[in-house]
Amino acid sequence: MKIEFRKAILPDEIEALYEFDHIAFASFPADLFEAKDWAQYESYWMIVDGRTVGRSVAVVMELKL
């Protein structure tokens, strides 16, 4: 089994991220992101044996001192 994470290409894949999110988390509407939200996050596709099975989101925040 080969597992890899590929960085999502933004803005080209925002619609795909949105659609995947709404399928995977349909039972948890409070956890859904809107399409416009995806531009704010560093997102990755989880790919197993060449098949997209998930996505991961990293919220990147800048700390100003």
PDB file of N, CA and C in Angstrom:
ATOM      1  N   MET A   1       0.843  -1.171   0.000  1.00  0.00           N
ATOM      2  CA  MET A   1       0.000   0.000   0.000  1.00  0.00           C
ATOM      3  C   MET A   1       0.892   1.239   0.000  1.00  0.00           C
ATOM      4  N   LYS A   2       0.613   2.140  -0.933  1.00  0.00           N
ATOM      5  CA  LYS A   2       1.368   3.390  -1.020  1.00  0.00           C
ATOM      6  C   LYS A   2       0.464   4.547  -0.598  1.00  0.00           C
ATOM      7  N   ILE A   3       0.884   5.285   0.431  1.00  0.00           N
ATOM      8  CA  ILE A   3       0.135   6.437   0.926  1.00  0.00           C
ATOM      9  C   ILE A   3       0.960   7.687   0.669  1.00  0.00           C
ATOM     10  N   GLU A   4       0.324   8.696   0.099  1.00  0.00           N
ATOM     11  CA  GLU A   4       1.026   9.949  -0.155  1.00  0.00           C
ATOM     12  C   GLU A   4       0.095  11.130   0.104  1.00  0.00           C
ATOM     13  N   PHE A   5       0.682  12.271   0.376  1.00  0.00           N
ATOM     14  CA  PHE A   5      -0.057  13.516   0.513  1.00  0.00           C
ATOM     15  C   PHE A   5       0.443  14.451  -0.562  1.00  0.00           C
ATOM     16  N   ARG A   6      -0.497  14.997  -1.337  1.00  0.00           N
ATOM     17  CA  ARG A   6      -0.146  15.933  -2.396  1.00  0.00           C
ATOM     18  C   ARG A   6      -0.804  17.266  -2.091  1.00  0.00           C
ATOM     19  N   LYS A   7      -0.014  18.325  -2.100  1.00  0.00           N
ATOM     20  CA  LYS A   7      -0.550  19.658  -1.830  1.00  0.00           C
ATOM     21  C   LYS A   7      -1.585  20.017  -2.886  1.00  0.00           C
ATOM     22  N   ALA A   8      -2.729  20.500  -2.418  1.00  0.00           N
ATOM     23  CA  ALA A   8      -3.784  20.919  -3.338  1.00  0.00           C
ATOM     24  C   ALA A   8      -3.332  22.155  -4.111  1.00  0.00           C
ATOM     25  N   ILE A   9      -3.728  22.216  -5.347  1.00  0.00           N
ATOM     26  CA  ILE A   9      -3.383  23.345  -6.212  1.00  0.00           C
ATOM     27  C   ILE A   9      -4.523  24.365  -6.127  1.00  0.00           C
ATOM     28  N   LEU A  10      -4.193  25.504  -5.544  1.00  0.00           N
ATOM     29  CA  LEU A  10      -5.202  26.552  -5.381  1.00  0.00           C
ATOM     30  C   LEU A  10      -4.917  27.694  -6.341  1.00  0.00           C
ATOM     31  N   PRO A  11      -5.899  28.288  -6.921  1.00  0.00           N
ATOM     32  CA  PRO A  11      -7.327  28.100  -6.684  1.00  0.00           C
ATOM     33  C   PRO A  11      -7.969  27.012  -7.539  1.00  0.00           C
ATOM     34  N   ASP A  12      -7.188  26.336  -8.364  1.00  0.00           N
ATOM     35  CA  ASP A  12      -7.741  25.371  -9.317  1.00  0.00           C
ATOM     36  C   ASP A  12      -8.553  24.242  -8.675  1.00  0.00           C
ATOM     37  N   GLU A  13      -8.172  23.796  -7.490  1.00  0.00           N
ATOM     38  CA  GLU A  13      -8.838  22.640  -6.884  1.00  0.00           C
ATOM     39  C   GLU A  13      -9.796  23.003  -5.744  1.00  0.00           C
ATOM     40  N   ILE A  14     -10.111  24.283  -5.604  1.00  0.00           N
ATOM     41  CA  ILE A  14     -11.032  24.689  -4.539  1.00  0.00           C
ATOM     42  C   ILE A  14     -12.384  23.995  -4.690  1.00  0.00           C
ATOM     43  N   GLU A  15     -12.908  23.931  -5.890  1.00  0.00           N
ATOM     44  CA  GLU A  15     -14.206  23.289  -6.097  1.00  0.00           C
ATOM     45  C   GLU A  15     -14.161  21.803  -5.732  1.00  0.00           C
ATOM     46  N   ALA A  16     -13.082  21.121  -6.093  1.00  0.00           N
ATOM     47  CA  ALA A  16     -12.939  19.701  -5.759  1.00  0.00           C
ATOM     48  C   ALA A  16     -12.827  19.503  -4.244  1.00  0.00           C
ATOM     49  N   LEU A  17     -12.088  20.373  -3.562  1.00  0.00           N
ATOM     50  CA  LEU A  17     -11.982  20.303  -2.101  1.00  0.00           C
ATOM     51  C   LEU A  17     -13.348  20.507  -1.454  1.00  0.00           C
ATOM     52  N   TYR A  18     -14.068  21.489  -1.934  1.00  0.00           N
ATOM     53  CA  TYR A  18     -15.407  21.793  -1.424  1.00  0.00           C
ATOM     54  C   TYR A  18     -16.334  20.591  -1.606  1.00  0.00           C
ATOM     55  N   GLU A  19     -16.333  20.016  -2.794  1.00  0.00           N
ATOM     56  CA  GLU A  19     -17.208  18.875  -3.080  1.00  0.00           C
ATOM     57  C   GLU A  19     -16.840  17.662  -2.229  1.00  0.00           C
ATOM     58  N   PHE A  20     -15.547  17.373  -2.117  1.00  0.00           N
ATOM     59  CA  PHE A  20     -15.106  16.237  -1.305  1.00  0.00           C
ATOM     60  C   PHE A  20     -15.519  16.446   0.155  1.00  0.00           C
ATOM     61  N   ASP A  21     -15.316  17.643   0.664  1.00  0.00           N
ATOM     62  CA  ASP A  21     -15.656  17.992   2.037  1.00  0.00           C
ATOM     63  C   ASP A  21     -17.141  17.753   2.299  1.00  0.00           C
ATOM     64  N   HIS A  22     -17.992  18.175   1.371  1.00  0.00           N
ATOM     65  CA  HIS A  22     -19.433  18.052   1.563  1.00  0.00           C
ATOM     66  C   HIS A  22     -19.918  16.612   1.432  1.00  0.00           C
ATOM     67  N   ILE A  23     -19.188  15.785   0.750  1.00  0.00           N
ATOM     68  CA  ILE A  23     -19.535  14.353   0.696  1.00  0.00           C
ATOM     69  C   ILE A  23     -19.067  13.665   1.976  1.00  0.00           C
ATOM     70  N   ALA A  24     -17.815  13.892   2.345  1.00  0.00           N
ATOM     71  CA  ALA A  24     -17.221  13.205   3.491  1.00  0.00           C
ATOM     72  C   ALA A  24     -17.827  13.637   4.826  1.00  0.00           C
ATOM     73  N   PHE A  25     -18.232  14.891   4.937  1.00  0.00           N
ATOM     74  CA  PHE A  25     -18.720  15.415   6.212  1.00  0.00           C
ATOM     75  C   PHE A  25     -20.189  15.816   6.174  1.00  0.00           C
ATOM     76  N   ALA A  26     -20.946  15.207   5.283  1.00  0.00           N
ATOM     77  CA  ALA A  26     -22.370  15.533   5.161  1.00  0.00           C
ATOM     78  C   ALA A  26     -23.119  15.349   6.478  1.00  0.00           C
ATOM     79  N   SER A  27     -22.709  14.395   7.277  1.00  0.00           N
ATOM     80  CA  SER A  27     -23.372  14.131   8.563  1.00  0.00           C
ATOM     81  C   SER A  27     -22.952  15.103   9.660  1.00  0.00           C
ATOM     82  N   PHE A  28     -21.966  15.943   9.356  1.00  0.00           N
ATOM     83  CA  PHE A  28     -21.436  16.889  10.337  1.00  0.00           C
ATOM     84  C   PHE A  28     -21.413  18.296   9.738  1.00  0.00           C
ATOM     85  N   PRO A  29     -22.577  18.882   9.496  1.00  0.00           N
ATOM     86  CA  PRO A  29     -22.636  20.170   8.792  1.00  0.00           C
ATOM     87  C   PRO A  29     -21.855  21.300   9.466  1.00  0.00           C
ATOM     88  N   ALA A  30     -21.678  21.245  10.758  1.00  0.00           N
ATOM     89  CA  ALA A  30     -20.922  22.298  11.449  1.00  0.00           C
ATOM     90  C   ALA A  30     -19.443  22.263  11.081  1.00  0.00           C
ATOM     91  N   ASP A  31     -18.974  21.123  10.557  1.00  0.00           N
ATOM     92  CA  ASP A  31     -17.568  20.969  10.193  1.00  0.00           C
ATOM     93  C   ASP A  31     -17.279  21.298   8.730  1.00  0.00           C
ATOM     94  N   LEU A  32     -18.292  21.670   7.967  1.00  0.00           N
ATOM     95  CA  LEU A  32     -18.103  21.931   6.540  1.00  0.00           C
ATOM     96  C   LEU A  32     -17.502  23.308   6.304  1.00  0.00           C
ATOM     97  N   PHE A  33     -16.628  23.382   5.306  1.00  0.00           N
ATOM     98  CA  PHE A  33     -16.048  24.654   4.880  1.00  0.00           C
ATOM     99  C   PHE A  33     -16.807  25.143   3.654  1.00  0.00           C
ATOM    100  N   GLU A  34     -16.911  26.435   3.529  1.00  0.00           N
ATOM    101  CA  GLU A  34     -17.465  27.038   2.322  1.00  0.00           C
ATOM    102  C   GLU A  34     -16.352  27.107   1.274  1.00  0.00           C
ATOM    103  N   ALA A  35     -16.726  27.204   0.011  1.00  0.00           N
ATOM    104  CA  ALA A  35     -15.733  27.238  -1.063  1.00  0.00           C
ATOM    105  C   ALA A  35     -14.727  28.374  -0.857  1.00  0.00           C
ATOM    106  N   LYS A  36     -15.186  29.536  -0.426  1.00  0.00           N
ATOM    107  CA  LYS A  36     -14.289  30.689  -0.231  1.00  0.00           C
ATOM    108  C   LYS A  36     -13.283  30.448   0.884  1.00  0.00           C
ATOM    109  N   ASP A  37     -13.622  29.586   1.849  1.00  0.00           N
ATOM    110  CA  ASP A  37     -12.728  29.312   2.973  1.00  0.00           C
ATOM    111  C   ASP A  37     -11.458  28.571   2.551  1.00  0.00           C
ATOM    112  N   TRP A  38     -11.560  27.755   1.507  1.00  0.00           N
ATOM    113  CA  TRP A  38     -10.419  26.924   1.112  1.00  0.00           C
ATOM    114  C   TRP A  38      -9.203  27.738   0.703  1.00  0.00           C
ATOM    115  N   ALA A  39      -9.397  28.947   0.235  1.00  0.00           N
ATOM    116  CA  ALA A  39      -8.271  29.790  -0.177  1.00  0.00           C
ATOM    117  C   ALA A  39      -7.394  30.188   1.012  1.00  0.00           C
ATOM    118  N   GLN A  40      -7.929  30.099   2.226  1.00  0.00           N
ATOM    119  CA  GLN A  40      -7.200  30.501   3.426  1.00  0.00           C
ATOM    120  C   GLN A  40      -6.337  29.390   4.014  1.00  0.00           C
ATOM    121  N   TYR A  41      -6.535  28.175   3.569  1.00  0.00           N
ATOM    122  CA  TYR A  41      -5.889  27.028   4.199  1.00  0.00           C
ATOM    123  C   TYR A  41      -4.839  26.379   3.300  1.00  0.00           C
ATOM    124  N   GLU A  42      -3.894  25.729   3.934  1.00  0.00           N
ATOM    125  CA  GLU A  42      -2.916  24.908   3.219  1.00  0.00           C
ATOM    126  C   GLU A  42      -3.505  23.496   3.213  1.00  0.00           C
ATOM    127  N   SER A  43      -3.914  23.033   2.052  1.00  0.00           N
ATOM    128  CA  SER A  43      -4.657  21.783   1.947  1.00  0.00           C
ATOM    129  C   SER A  43      -3.875  20.717   1.193  1.00  0.00           C
ATOM    130  N   TYR A  44      -4.094  19.471   1.592  1.00  0.00           N
ATOM    131  CA  TYR A  44      -3.415  18.330   0.976  1.00  0.00           C
ATOM    132  C   TYR A  44      -4.423  17.231   0.691  1.00  0.00           C
ATOM    133  N   TRP A  45      -4.236  16.554  -0.436  1.00  0.00           N
ATOM    134  CA  TRP A  45      -5.013  15.374  -0.765  1.00  0.00           C
ATOM    135  C   TRP A  45      -4.291  14.152  -0.209  1.00  0.00           C
ATOM    136  N   MET A  46      -5.041  13.232   0.380  1.00  0.00           N
ATOM    137  CA  MET A  46      -4.478  11.956   0.816  1.00  0.00           C
ATOM    138  C   MET A  46      -4.790  10.948  -0.278  1.00  0.00           C
ATOM    139  N   ILE A  47      -3.734  10.331  -0.803  1.00  0.00           N
ATOM    140  CA  ILE A  47      -3.870   9.414  -1.925  1.00  0.00           C
ATOM    141  C   ILE A  47      -3.315   8.051  -1.516  1.00  0.00           C
ATOM    142  N   VAL A  48      -4.133   7.016  -1.670  1.00  0.00           N
ATOM    143  CA  VAL A  48      -3.719   5.649  -1.340  1.00  0.00           C
ATOM    144  C   VAL A  48      -3.788   4.827  -2.618  1.00  0.00           C
ATOM    145  N   ASP A  49      -2.645   4.274  -2.993  1.00  0.00           N
ATOM    146  CA  ASP A  49      -2.559   3.455  -4.202  1.00  0.00           C
ATOM    147  C   ASP A  49      -3.181   4.160  -5.415  1.00  0.00           C
ATOM    148  N   GLY A  50      -2.910   5.467  -5.539  1.00  0.00           N
ATOM    149  CA  GLY A  50      -3.373   6.231  -6.690  1.00  0.00           C
ATOM    150  C   GLY A  50      -4.807   6.720  -6.599  1.00  0.00           C
ATOM    151  N   ARG A  51      -5.491   6.426  -5.504  1.00  0.00           N
ATOM    152  CA  ARG A  51      -6.896   6.821  -5.346  1.00  0.00           C
ATOM    153  C   ARG A  51      -7.014   7.860  -4.231  1.00  0.00           C
ATOM    154  N   THR A  52      -7.681   8.972  -4.530  1.00  0.00           N
ATOM    155  CA  THR A  52      -7.891  10.009  -3.527  1.00  0.00           C
ATOM    156  C   THR A  52      -8.907   9.514  -2.512  1.00  0.00           C
ATOM    157  N   VAL A  53      -8.483   9.452  -1.249  1.00  0.00           N
ATOM    158  CA  VAL A  53      -9.355   8.927  -0.198  1.00  0.00           C
ATOM    159  C   VAL A  53      -9.639   9.944   0.903  1.00  0.00           C
ATOM    160  N   GLY A  54      -8.984  11.096   0.865  1.00  0.00           N
ATOM    161  CA  GLY A  54      -9.205  12.082   1.910  1.00  0.00           C
ATOM    162  C   GLY A  54      -8.490  13.376   1.601  1.00  0.00           C
ATOM    163  N   ARG A  55      -8.619  14.276   2.560  1.00  0.00           N
ATOM    164  CA  ARG A  55      -7.917  15.548   2.449  1.00  0.00           C
ATOM    165  C   ARG A  55      -7.550  15.996   3.855  1.00  0.00           C
ATOM    166  N   SER A  56      -6.551  16.825   3.923  1.00  0.00           N
ATOM    167  CA  SER A  56      -6.070  17.336   5.200  1.00  0.00           C
ATOM    168  C   SER A  56      -5.905  18.839   5.060  1.00  0.00           C
ATOM    169  N   VAL A  57      -6.175  19.545   6.148  1.00  0.00           N
ATOM    170  CA  VAL A  57      -6.094  21.000   6.122  1.00  0.00           C
ATOM    171  C   VAL A  57      -5.187  21.461   7.248  1.00  0.00           C
ATOM    172  N   ALA A  58      -4.300  22.362   6.921  1.00  0.00           N
ATOM    173  CA  ALA A  58      -3.451  22.991   7.937  1.00  0.00           C
ATOM    174  C   ALA A  58      -3.809  24.469   7.966  1.00  0.00           C
ATOM    175  N   VAL A  59      -4.167  24.949   9.120  1.00  0.00           N
ATOM    176  CA  VAL A  59      -4.465  26.366   9.273  1.00  0.00           C
ATOM    177  C   VAL A  59      -3.140  27.046   9.615  1.00  0.00           C
ATOM    178  N   VAL A  60      -2.690  27.900   8.723  1.00  0.00           N
ATOM    179  CA  VAL A  60      -1.410  28.576   8.898  1.00  0.00           C
ATOM    180  C   VAL A  60      -1.687  29.975   9.427  1.00  0.00           C
ATOM    181  N   MET A  61      -1.140  30.235  10.604  1.00  0.00           N
ATOM    182  CA  MET A  61      -1.348  31.542  11.223  1.00  0.00           C
ATOM    183  C   MET A  61       0.002  32.222  11.412  1.00  0.00           C
ATOM    184  N   GLU A  62       0.025  33.506  11.178  1.00  0.00           N
ATOM    185  CA  GLU A  62       1.243  34.274  11.362  1.00  0.00           C
ATOM    186  C   GLU A  62       1.208  34.918  12.742  1.00  0.00           C
ATOM    187  N   LEU A  63       2.232  34.679  13.509  1.00  0.00           N
ATOM    188  CA  LEU A  63       2.328  35.254  14.849  1.00  0.00           C
ATOM    189  C   LEU A  63       3.187  36.503  14.767  1.00  0.00           C
ATOM    190  N   LYS A  64       2.608  37.620  15.162  1.00  0.00           N
ATOM    191  CA  LYS A  64       3.361  38.871  15.142  1.00  0.00           C
ATOM    192  C   LYS A  64       3.699  39.250  16.566  1.00  0.00           C
ATOM    193  N   LEU A  65       4.962  39.465  16.817  1.00  0.00           N
ATOM    194  CA  LEU A  65       5.409  39.846  18.158  1.00  0.00           C
ATOM    195  C   LEU A  65       5.729  41.316  18.218  1.00  0.00           C
TER     196      LEU A  65
END
